[in-house]
C-alpha atoms as a PDB file:
ATOM      1  CA  UNK A   1       0.000   0.000   0.000  1.00  0.00           C
ATOM      2  CA  UNK A   2       1.193   3.596  -0.592  1.00  0.00           C
ATOM      3  CA  UNK A   3       2.902   5.618   2.083  1.00  0.00           C
ATOM      4  CA  UNK A   4       0.696   7.953   4.107  1.00  0.00           C
ATOM      5  CA  UNK A   5       1.219  10.951   6.367  1.00  0.00           C
ATOM      6  CA  UNK A   6       1.009  10.222  10.078  1.00  0.00           C
ATOM      7  CA  UNK A   7      -1.917  11.336  12.238  1.00  0.00           C
ATOM      8  CA  UNK A   8      -0.254  11.518  15.671  1.00  0.00           C
ATOM      9  CA  UNK A   9      -3.556  11.434  17.583  1.00  0.00           C
ATOM     10  CA  UNK A  10      -4.274   7.913  16.320  1.00  0.00           C
ATOM     11  CA  UNK A  11      -1.038   6.388  17.525  1.00  0.00           C
ATOM     12  CA  UNK A  12      -0.425   6.604  21.300  1.00  0.00           C
ATOM     13  CA  UNK A  13       2.472   4.144  20.943  1.00  0.00           C
ATOM     14  CA  UNK A  14       4.542   6.866  19.315  1.00  0.00           C
ATOM     15  CA  UNK A  15       5.366   8.342  22.695  1.00  0.00           C
ATOM     16  CA  UNK A  16       6.392   4.961  24.089  1.00  0.00           C
ATOM     17  CA  UNK A  17       9.447   5.216  21.874  1.00  0.00           C
ATOM     18  CA  UNK A  18      12.460   6.889  23.497  1.00  0.00           C
ATOM     19  CA  UNK A  19      12.827   9.005  20.393  1.00  0.00           C
ATOM     20  CA  UNK A  20       9.522  10.807  21.022  1.00  0.00           C
ATOM     21  CA  UNK A  21       8.779  10.263  24.736  1.00  0.00           C
ATOM     22  CA  UNK A  22       7.683  13.417  26.571  1.00  0.00           C
ATOM     23  CA  UNK A  23       7.340  15.636  23.489  1.00  0.00           C
ATOM     24  CA  UNK A  24       4.421  18.016  23.227  1.00  0.00           C
ATOM     25  CA  UNK A  25       2.126  17.743  20.213  1.00  0.00           C
ATOM     26  CA  UNK A  26       3.933  20.633  18.570  1.00  0.00           C
ATOM     27  CA  UNK A  27       7.380  19.199  19.253  1.00  0.00           C
ATOM     28  CA  UNK A  28       6.280  15.792  18.022  1.00  0.00           C
ATOM     29  CA  UNK A  29       5.016  17.278  14.770  1.00  0.00           C
ATOM     30  CA  UNK A  30       8.330  19.097  14.259  1.00  0.00           C
ATOM     31  CA  UNK A  31      10.308  15.950  15.019  1.00  0.00           C
ATOM     32  CA  UNK A  32       8.274  13.862  12.572  1.00  0.00           C
ATOM     33  CA  UNK A  33       8.735  16.502   9.870  1.00  0.00           C
ATOM     34  CA  UNK A  34      12.483  16.619  10.538  1.00  0.00           C
ATOM     35  CA  UNK A  35      12.750  12.855  10.095  1.00  0.00           C
ATOM     36  CA  UNK A  36      10.462  12.845   7.012  1.00  0.00           C
ATOM     37  CA  UNK A  37       8.085  10.420   8.756  1.00  0.00           C
ATOM     38  CA  UNK A  38       5.735   8.434   6.529  1.00  0.00           C
ATOM     39  CA  UNK A  39       3.387   5.579   7.369  1.00  0.00           C
ATOM     40  CA  UNK A  40       2.928   2.366   5.430  1.00  0.00           C
ATOM     41  CA  UNK A  41       0.647  -0.605   6.017  1.00  0.00           C
ATOM     42  CA  UNK A  42       1.880  -4.157   5.404  1.00  0.00           C
ATOM     43  CA  UNK A  43       0.028  -7.437   5.012  1.00  0.00           C
ATOM     44  CA  UNK A  44       0.687 -10.590   7.007  1.00  0.00           C
ATOM     45  CA  UNK A  45       4.092 -12.087   6.245  1.00  0.00           C
ATOM     46  CA  UNK A  46       5.134  -9.227   3.958  1.00  0.00           C
ATOM     47  CA  UNK A  47       8.853  -8.516   3.716  1.00  0.00           C
ATOM     48  CA  UNK A  48      10.108  -5.103   4.803  1.00  0.00           C
ATOM     49  CA  UNK A  49      13.717  -5.935   4.052  1.00  0.00           C
ATOM     50  CA  UNK A  50      15.139  -9.012   2.331  1.00  0.00           C
ATOM     51  CA  UNK A  51      18.510 -10.635   2.915  1.00  0.00           C
ATOM     52  CA  UNK A  52      21.324  -8.390   1.696  1.00  0.00           C
ATOM     53  CA  UNK A  53      19.151  -5.319   1.132  1.00  0.00           C
ATOM     54  CA  UNK A  54      20.074  -1.979   2.686  1.00  0.00           C
ATOM     55  CA  UNK A  55      17.503  -0.046   4.687  1.00  0.00           C
ATOM     56  CA  UNK A  56      17.104   3.523   3.482  1.00  0.00           C
ATOM     57  CA  UNK A  57      15.157   4.420   6.641  1.00  0.00           C
ATOM     58  CA  UNK A  58      14.499   2.756   9.987  1.00  0.00           C
ATOM     59  CA  UNK A  59      11.069   1.721  11.196  1.00  0.00           C
ATOM     60  CA  UNK A  60       8.878   2.352  14.221  1.00  0.00           C
ATOM     61  CA  UNK A  61       6.006  -0.108  14.632  1.00  0.00           C
ATOM     62  CA  UNK A  62       2.650   1.638  15.072  1.00  0.00           C
ATOM     63  CA  UNK A  63       0.498  -1.491  15.175  1.00  0.00           C
ATOM     64  CA  UNK A  64       0.987  -5.196  14.679  1.00  0.00           C
ATOM     65  CA  UNK A  65       4.344  -6.950  14.960  1.00  0.00           C
ATOM     66  CA  UNK A  66       7.534  -6.908  12.908  1.00  0.00           C
ATOM     67  CA  UNK A  67      10.139  -9.650  13.301  1.00  0.00           C
ATOM     68  CA  UNK A  68      13.819  -9.692  12.425  1.00  0.00           C
ATOM     69  CA  UNK A  69      15.275 -13.070  11.441  1.00  0.00           C
ATOM     70  CA  UNK A  70      18.501 -14.716  10.410  1.00  0.00           C
ATOM     71  CA  UNK A  71      19.284 -18.275   9.326  1.00  0.00           C
ATOM     72  CA  UNK A  72      22.125 -20.278  10.844  1.00  0.00           C
ATOM     73  CA  UNK A  73      24.644 -22.238   8.769  1.00  0.00           C
ATOM     74  CA  UNK A  74      22.290 -25.216   8.677  1.00  0.00           C
ATOM     75  CA  UNK A  75      19.398 -23.114   7.401  1.00  0.00           C
ATOM     76  CA  UNK A  76      17.498 -23.010  10.684  1.00  0.00           C
ATOM     77  CA  UNK A  77      15.521 -19.826  11.242  1.00  0.00           C
ATOM     78  CA  UNK A  78      16.443 -17.701  14.275  1.00  0.00           C
ATOM     79  CA  UNK A  79      14.442 -14.704  15.481  1.00  0.00           C
ATOM     80  CA  UNK A  80      16.730 -11.809  16.363  1.00  0.00           C
ATOM     81  CA  UNK A  81      14.017  -9.361  17.421  1.00  0.00           C
ATOM     82  CA  UNK A  82      10.259  -9.244  17.952  1.00  0.00           C
ATOM     83  CA  UNK A  83       9.255  -5.610  17.447  1.00  0.00           C
ATOM     84  CA  UNK A  84       5.924  -4.497  18.903  1.00  0.00           C
ATOM     85  CA  UNK A  85       4.105  -1.107  18.832  1.00  0.00           C
ATOM     86  CA  UNK A  86       6.294   1.730  20.077  1.00  0.00           C
ATOM     87  CA  UNK A  87       9.531  -0.138  19.299  1.00  0.00           C
ATOM     88  CA  UNK A  88      11.949   0.410  16.433  1.00  0.00           C
ATOM     89  CA  UNK A  89      14.114  -1.668  14.137  1.00  0.00           C
ATOM     90  CA  UNK A  90      16.986  -1.107  11.723  1.00  0.00           C
ATOM     91  CA  UNK A  91      18.346   2.066  13.401  1.00  0.00           C
ATOM     92  CA  UNK A  92      22.019   1.077  13.442  1.00  0.00           C
ATOM     93  CA  UNK A  93      22.041  -0.368   9.918  1.00  0.00           C
ATOM     94  CA  UNK A  94      20.296   2.711   8.604  1.00  0.00           C
ATOM     95  CA  UNK A  95      22.595   5.178  10.355  1.00  0.00           C
ATOM     96  CA  UNK A  96      25.751   3.319   9.319  1.00  0.00           C
ATOM     97  CA  UNK A  97      24.380   2.788   5.792  1.00  0.00           C
ATOM     98  CA  UNK A  98      25.198  -0.898   5.911  1.00  0.00           C
ATOM     99  CA  UNK A  99      23.369  -3.943   4.685  1.00  0.00           C
ATOM    100  CA  UNK A 100      23.036  -7.031   6.840  1.00  0.00           C
ATOM    101  CA  UNK A 101      23.805 -10.003   4.572  1.00  0.00           C
ATOM    102  CA  UNK A 102      22.171 -12.532   6.912  1.00  0.00           C
ATOM    103  CA  UNK A 103      19.153 -10.576   8.196  1.00  0.00           C
ATOM    104  CA  UNK A 104      15.632 -10.265   6.843  1.00  0.00           C
ATOM    105  CA  UNK A 105      12.629  -8.419   8.255  1.00  0.00           C
ATOM    106  CA  UNK A 106       8.935  -9.215   7.839  1.00  0.00           C
ATOM    107  CA  UNK A 107       5.582  -8.795   9.534  1.00  0.00           C
ATOM    108  CA  UNK A 108       4.181 -11.471  11.831  1.00  0.00           C
ATOM    109  CA  UNK A 109       0.500 -10.784  11.211  1.00  0.00           C
ATOM    110  CA  UNK A 110       0.316  -7.490   9.385  1.00  0.00           C
ATOM    111  CA  UNK A 111       1.653  -4.167  10.671  1.00  0.00           C
ATOM    112  CA  UNK A 112       1.702  -0.419  10.294  1.00  0.00           C
ATOM    113  CA  UNK A 113       5.203   1.024  10.212  1.00  0.00           C
ATOM    114  CA  UNK A 114       6.377   4.609  10.533  1.00  0.00           C
ATOM    115  CA  UNK A 115       9.506   5.013   8.419  1.00  0.00           C
ATOM    116  CA  UNK A 116      12.023   7.611   9.638  1.00  0.00           C
ATOM    117  CA  UNK A 117      15.017   9.171   7.902  1.00  0.00           C
ATOM    118  CA  UNK A 118      18.334   9.548   9.749  1.00  0.00           C
ATOM    119  CA  UNK A 119      19.850  11.921   7.173  1.00  0.00           C
ATOM    120  CA  UNK A 120      19.579  14.963   9.518  1.00  0.00           C
ATOM    121  CA  UNK A 121      21.851  13.146  11.995  1.00  0.00           C
ATOM    122  CA  UNK A 122      24.602  12.392   9.468  1.00  0.00           C
ATOM    123  CA  UNK A 123      25.121  15.950   8.261  1.00  0.00           C
ATOM    124  CA  UNK A 124      26.638  18.911  10.074  1.00  0.00           C
ATOM    125  CA  UNK A 125      24.162  19.665  12.831  1.00  0.00           C
ATOM    126  CA  UNK A 126      25.121  23.326  13.257  1.00  0.00           C
ATOM    127  CA  UNK A 127      23.145  25.268  15.833  1.00  0.00           C
ATOM    128  CA  UNK A 128      19.719  23.754  15.128  1.00  0.00           C
ATOM    129  CA  UNK A 129      18.384  22.893  18.618  1.00  0.00           C
ATOM    130  CA  UNK A 130      15.783  20.467  17.238  1.00  0.00           C
ATOM    131  CA  UNK A 131      18.388  18.414  15.392  1.00  0.00           C
ATOM    132  CA  UNK A 132      20.657  18.377  18.451  1.00  0.00           C
ATOM    133  CA  UNK A 133      17.797  17.300  20.725  1.00  0.00           C
ATOM    134  CA  UNK A 134      16.622  14.545  18.390  1.00  0.00           C
ATOM    135  CA  UNK A 135      20.150  13.262  17.828  1.00  0.00           C
ATOM    136  CA  UNK A 136      20.615  12.965  21.603  1.00  0.00           C
ATOM    137  CA  UNK A 137      17.374  10.977  21.789  1.00  0.00           C
ATOM    138  CA  UNK A 138      18.482   8.804  18.879  1.00  0.00           C
ATOM    139  CA  UNK A 139      21.801   7.914  20.539  1.00  0.00           C
ATOM    140  CA  UNK A 140      19.990   7.170  23.815  1.00  0.00           C
ATOM    141  CA  UNK A 141      17.690   4.845  21.893  1.00  0.00           C
ATOM    142  CA  UNK A 142      20.702   3.048  20.391  1.00  0.00           C
ATOM    143  CA  UNK A 143      22.210   2.671  23.868  1.00  0.00           C
ATOM    144  CA  UNK A 144      18.966   1.163  25.173  1.00  0.00           C
ATOM    145  CA  UNK A 145      18.926  -1.267  22.252  1.00  0.00           C
ATOM    146  CA  UNK A 146      22.463  -2.365  23.142  1.00  0.00           C
ATOM    147  CA  UNK A 147      21.281  -3.192  26.664  1.00  0.00           C
ATOM    148  CA  UNK A 148      18.363  -5.186  25.250  1.00  0.00           C
ATOM    149  CA  UNK A 149      20.751  -7.176  23.076  1.00  0.00           C
ATOM    150  CA  UNK A 150      22.856  -7.904  26.140  1.00  0.00           C
ATOM    151  CA  UNK A 151      19.755  -9.364  27.831  1.00  0.00           C
ATOM    152  CA  UNK A 152      19.166 -11.525  24.757  1.00  0.00           C
ATOM    153  CA  UNK A 153      22.745 -12.785  24.916  1.00  0.00           C
ATOM    154  CA  UNK A 154      22.210 -13.703  28.565  1.00  0.00           C
ATOM    155  CA  UNK A 155      19.252 -15.868  27.521  1.00  0.00           C
ATOM    156  CA  UNK A 156      20.942 -17.594  24.596  1.00  0.00           C
ATOM    157  CA  UNK A 157      24.147 -18.241  26.548  1.00  0.00           C
ATOM    158  CA  UNK A 158      22.367 -20.511  29.040  1.00  0.00           C
ATOM    159  CA  UNK A 159      23.201 -24.199  28.635  1.00  0.00           C
ATOM    160  CA  UNK A 160      19.823 -25.797  29.273  1.00  0.00           C
ATOM    161  CA  UNK A 161      16.347 -25.119  27.943  1.00  0.00           C
ATOM    162  CA  UNK A 162      15.050 -24.603  31.484  1.00  0.00           C
ATOM    163  CA  UNK A 163      17.704 -21.984  32.185  1.00  0.00           C
ATOM    164  CA  UNK A 164      16.815 -20.173  28.958  1.00  0.00           C
ATOM    165  CA  UNK A 165      13.144 -20.200  29.884  1.00  0.00           C
ATOM    166  CA  UNK A 166      13.687 -19.011  33.447  1.00  0.00           C
ATOM    167  CA  UNK A 167      15.967 -16.181  32.309  1.00  0.00           C
ATOM    168  CA  UNK A 168      13.541 -15.133  29.585  1.00  0.00           C
ATOM    169  CA  UNK A 169      10.415 -15.282  31.756  1.00  0.00           C
ATOM    170  CA  UNK A 170      12.075 -13.565  34.718  1.00  0.00           C
ATOM    171  CA  UNK A 171      13.044 -10.726  32.407  1.00  0.00           C
ATOM    172  CA  UNK A 172       9.470 -10.336  31.222  1.00  0.00           C
ATOM    173  CA  UNK A 173       8.187 -10.414  34.784  1.00  0.00           C
ATOM    174  CA  UNK A 174      10.522  -7.525  35.663  1.00  0.00           C
ATOM    175  CA  UNK A 175       9.531  -5.632  32.540  1.00  0.00           C
ATOM    176  CA  UNK A 176       5.801  -5.980  33.255  1.00  0.00           C
ATOM    177  CA  UNK A 177       6.158  -5.397  37.002  1.00  0.00           C
ATOM    178  CA  UNK A 178       3.718  -8.113  38.042  1.00  0.00           C
ATOM    179  CA  UNK A 179       3.651 -11.844  38.666  1.00  0.00           C
ATOM    180  CA  UNK A 180       1.135 -12.613  35.936  1.00  0.00           C
ATOM    181  CA  UNK A 181       2.161 -11.291  32.537  1.00  0.00           C
ATOM    182  CA  UNK A 182       1.838 -11.941  28.823  1.00  0.00           C
ATOM    183  CA  UNK A 183       4.629 -12.454  26.319  1.00  0.00           C
ATOM    184  CA  UNK A 184       4.308 -11.401  22.640  1.00  0.00           C
ATOM    185  CA  UNK A 185       4.927 -14.938  21.316  1.00  0.00           C
ATOM    186  CA  UNK A 186       2.902 -18.017  20.597  1.00  0.00           C
ATOM    187  CA  UNK A 187       4.631 -21.328  21.286  1.00  0.00           C
ATOM    188  CA  UNK A 188       6.148 -21.657  17.813  1.00  0.00           C
ATOM    189  CA  UNK A 189       7.534 -18.114  17.838  1.00  0.00           C
ATOM    190  CA  UNK A 190       8.931 -18.558  21.349  1.00  0.00           C
ATOM    191  CA  UNK A 191      10.781 -21.678  20.233  1.00  0.00           C
ATOM    192  CA  UNK A 192      12.322 -19.752  17.340  1.00  0.00           C
ATOM    193  CA  UNK A 193      13.211 -16.818  19.611  1.00  0.00           C
ATOM    194  CA  UNK A 194      14.956 -19.106  22.109  1.00  0.00           C
ATOM    195  CA  UNK A 195      16.544 -21.198  19.384  1.00  0.00           C
ATOM    196  CA  UNK A 196      15.060 -24.473  20.644  1.00  0.00           C
ATOM    197  CA  UNK A 197      12.824 -27.286  19.424  1.00  0.00           C
ATOM    198  CA  UNK A 198       9.109 -26.502  19.774  1.00  0.00           C
ATOM    199  CA  UNK A 199       8.194 -29.962  21.081  1.00  0.00           C
ATOM    200  CA  UNK A 200      10.986 -29.839  23.658  1.00  0.00           C
ATOM    201  CA  UNK A 201       9.837 -26.363  24.691  1.00  0.00           C
ATOM    202  CA  UNK A 202       6.245 -27.494  25.277  1.00  0.00           C
ATOM    203  CA  UNK A 203       7.455 -30.537  27.208  1.00  0.00           C
ATOM    204  CA  UNK A 204       9.725 -28.432  29.441  1.00  0.00           C
ATOM    205  CA  UNK A 205       6.982 -25.887  30.173  1.00  0.00           C
ATOM    206  CA  UNK A 206       4.626 -28.684  31.188  1.00  0.00           C
ATOM    207  CA  UNK A 207       7.298 -30.173  33.447  1.00  0.00           C
ATOM    208  CA  UNK A 208       7.977 -26.791  35.068  1.00  0.00           C
ATOM    209  CA  UNK A 209       4.273 -26.314  35.692  1.00  0.00           C
ATOM    210  CA  UNK A 210       3.970 -29.804  37.216  1.00  0.00           C
ATOM    211  CA  UNK A 211       6.894 -28.986  39.520  1.00  0.00           C
ATOM    212  CA  UNK A 212       5.203 -25.791  40.721  1.00  0.00           C
ATOM    213  CA  UNK A 213       7.681 -23.362  39.153  1.00  0.00           C
ATOM    214  CA  UNK A 214       5.127 -21.557  37.024  1.00  0.00           C
ATOM    215  CA  UNK A 215       1.606 -21.495  35.675  1.00  0.00           C
ATOM    216  CA  UNK A 216       0.751 -20.722  32.070  1.00  0.00           C
ATOM    217  CA  UNK A 217      -2.095 -20.591  29.609  1.00  0.00           C
ATOM    218  CA  UNK A 218      -1.217 -19.846  25.979  1.00  0.00           C
ATOM    219  CA  UNK A 219       1.023 -16.755  26.181  1.00  0.00           C
ATOM    220  CA  UNK A 220       0.070 -15.800  29.761  1.00  0.00           C
ATOM    221  CA  UNK A 221       2.530 -16.790  32.513  1.00  0.00           C
ATOM    222  CA  UNK A 222       2.853 -16.563  36.280  1.00  0.00           C
ATOM    223  CA  UNK A 223       6.110 -17.381  38.038  1.00  0.00           C
ATOM    224  CA  UNK A 224       5.709 -19.132  41.406  1.00  0.00           C
ATOM    225  CA  UNK A 225       9.181 -18.698  42.879  1.00  0.00           C
END
């Protein structure tokens, strides 16, 4: 579908992004104009970036889910990121003007994406206070993403499936701030995200529930320890 201008009133998730958090309506409008923001709607399973392609702009998910994947040397699919409303993807690749030869990006079930241009950050920033302010927010967003990737490494570095699950679920419990919480994955997607076999994952979750470590129903979990 064609790109469309953004109606900020329709998208409360905009201000969940570090790039726009706390801005007034006027400031938000100026920031979106600076970054040449345009909205595009994608169908289920549609590619936003194929292997080896270079992103001209980075994306902010307005609705739906966007997923970033890579394939290992045996051809097994691995999910690198699950991007939900208010979150971004492709910032570093876009800013550095690099392609990722092993990455590809597509929607999980359809999505609306706000595409943003980093060109104002690459050029001489001069005395423009808006550009300076937005560049500071952009670098803070990149720093936060680095911390998120460190958390992902902590999960994947665990030796056993149970350790991966406990690390992953404990992180989501902290993020949500309550014992009962929902994760943005069905069982198949969670297996891909953790890099494990789906059948083994279901079996381990059932065993953990039988042992009184957790309760779950579909993508809702409650830790009991």
